[in-house]
Protein backbone atom coordinates (compact mmCIF):
# COMPACT_ATOMS: atom_id res chain seq x y z
CA MET A 1 80.80 -29.07 50.57
CA HIS A 2 83.68 -31.57 50.75
CA THR A 3 85.20 -32.47 54.11
CA VAL A 4 88.64 -34.00 53.76
CA PRO A 5 91.31 -34.94 56.33
CA ILE A 6 94.51 -32.96 55.84
CA HIS A 7 96.63 -36.09 55.33
CA GLN A 8 94.32 -37.17 52.50
CA ALA A 9 94.17 -33.65 51.01
CA LYS A 10 97.91 -33.75 50.39
CA SER A 11 97.49 -36.40 47.73
CA GLN A 12 94.27 -34.87 46.30
CA LEU A 13 95.26 -31.22 46.22
CA SER A 14 94.81 -30.78 42.47
CA GLU A 15 91.31 -32.27 42.54
CA LEU A 16 90.34 -30.20 45.58
CA ILE A 17 91.54 -27.02 43.87
CA ARG A 18 89.49 -27.88 40.79
CA ALA A 19 86.43 -28.39 42.99
CA VAL A 20 86.98 -24.99 44.63
CA GLU A 21 87.44 -23.38 41.20
CA ASN A 22 84.07 -24.85 40.23
CA GLY A 23 82.43 -23.13 43.20
CA GLU A 24 82.48 -25.92 45.77
CA GLU A 25 83.64 -25.38 49.32
CA VAL A 26 86.28 -27.70 50.77
CA VAL A 27 86.89 -28.08 54.50
CA LEU A 28 90.12 -29.67 55.71
CA THR A 29 90.05 -31.45 59.05
CA ARG A 30 92.60 -32.69 61.54
CA HIS A 31 91.49 -35.47 63.91
CA GLY A 32 87.89 -34.83 62.83
CA LYS A 33 87.98 -31.12 63.71
CA ARG A 34 87.56 -28.42 61.08
CA VAL A 35 90.85 -26.62 60.53
CA ILE A 36 90.52 -24.62 57.34
CA ARG A 37 87.95 -23.84 54.69
CA LEU A 38 88.99 -23.46 51.06
CA ILE A 39 86.85 -21.12 48.99
CA LYS A 40 87.23 -19.57 45.58
CA GLU A 41 88.99 -16.22 45.51
CA PRO A 42 86.56 -13.55 44.32
CA GLU A 43 87.27 -12.17 40.89
CA SER A 44 88.93 -8.80 41.17
CA VAL A 45 87.21 -6.13 39.18
CA GLN A 46 89.68 -4.36 36.98
CA PRO A 47 88.59 -0.97 35.75
CA SER A 48 88.13 -0.89 32.02
CA ILE A 49 90.55 1.02 29.85
CA GLU A 50 87.79 3.52 29.16
CA ALA A 51 87.16 4.05 32.88
CA ARG A 52 90.88 4.61 33.48
CA ARG A 53 91.02 7.02 30.53
CA GLN A 54 88.08 8.99 31.92
CA ALA A 55 89.72 9.16 35.35
CA ILE A 56 92.95 10.50 33.81
CA VAL A 57 91.03 13.07 31.76
CA ALA A 58 89.18 14.22 34.88
CA GLU A 59 92.46 14.54 36.78
CA LEU A 60 94.00 16.58 33.95
CA GLN A 61 90.95 18.84 33.82
CA ALA A 62 91.24 19.47 37.56
CA LEU A 63 94.94 20.29 37.14
CA ARG A 64 94.15 22.68 34.27
CA ALA A 65 91.54 24.39 36.44
CA LYS A 66 94.08 24.77 39.26
CA VAL A 67 96.67 26.23 36.89
CA ALA A 68 94.09 28.62 35.43
CA ALA A 69 93.00 29.73 38.91
CA THR A 70 96.63 30.34 39.91
CA ALA A 71 97.26 32.26 36.70
CA ALA A 72 94.19 34.42 37.29
CA GLU A 73 95.14 35.13 40.92
CA GLN A 74 98.89 35.58 40.67
CA GLY A 75 99.85 35.49 37.03
CA GLY A 76 102.28 32.99 35.62
CA GLY A 77 100.15 29.83 35.48
CA PHE A 78 102.14 26.66 35.17
CA ASP A 79 105.49 28.43 35.38
CA LEU A 80 104.55 29.83 38.79
CA LEU A 81 103.38 26.44 40.05
CA TRP A 82 106.62 24.84 38.80
CA GLN A 83 108.71 27.50 40.55
CA GLN A 84 106.78 26.88 43.78
CA HIS A 85 107.38 23.14 43.40
CA GLU A 86 111.10 23.65 42.80
CA ALA A 87 111.38 25.98 45.81
CA ALA A 88 109.62 23.45 48.04
CA GLN A 89 111.89 20.67 46.73
CA ALA A 90 114.99 22.77 47.34
CA GLY A 91 113.78 23.44 50.88
CA ARG A 92 113.31 19.74 51.56
CA THR A 93 116.74 18.98 50.10
CA GLU A 94 118.38 21.72 52.15
CA ALA A 95 116.69 20.45 55.33
CA TRP A 96 117.90 16.93 54.59
CA VAL A 97 121.47 18.01 53.83
CA THR A 98 121.76 20.24 56.91
CA SER A 99 120.48 17.42 59.11
CA ASP A 100 123.60 15.38 58.20
CA GLY A 101 121.62 13.38 55.60
CA PRO A 102 123.79 10.56 54.26
CA ALA A 103 126.61 11.17 56.74
CA ALA A 104 124.24 10.26 59.57
CA VAL A 105 123.16 7.08 57.80
CA TYR A 106 126.58 6.07 56.41
CA PRO A 107 129.20 7.69 58.68
CA GLU A 108 132.06 5.68 57.12
CA ARG A 109 131.42 7.09 53.62
CA ASP A 110 133.23 10.09 52.23
CA ASP A 111 131.53 13.07 50.58
CA ALA A 112 131.39 11.24 47.24
CA GLY A 113 129.35 8.42 48.80
CA HIS A 114 132.22 5.87 48.80
């Protein structure tokens, strides 16, 4: 572990960073008191391409199962789900428009948004 006064660390920053990258711990002090500890950032674990592919495949299989269950219960499959989605979207849009949507946010604008 290196202990370095802050005023000295300013001129040695590159070397201190290299030491931290090599696994050493660096403590910066002010008037002999510990102020900050520099440590190496842990390596982030990125999922492999194969793991991401498997997650996407699993998500698609779950969606297919949902569509199949909907088709078995109500008929229509994906088309029915899409219609339900569009109806819900239209309801949200209608609620937004009737609550003075953009006019409430931008009262000086005309209907064309100008």
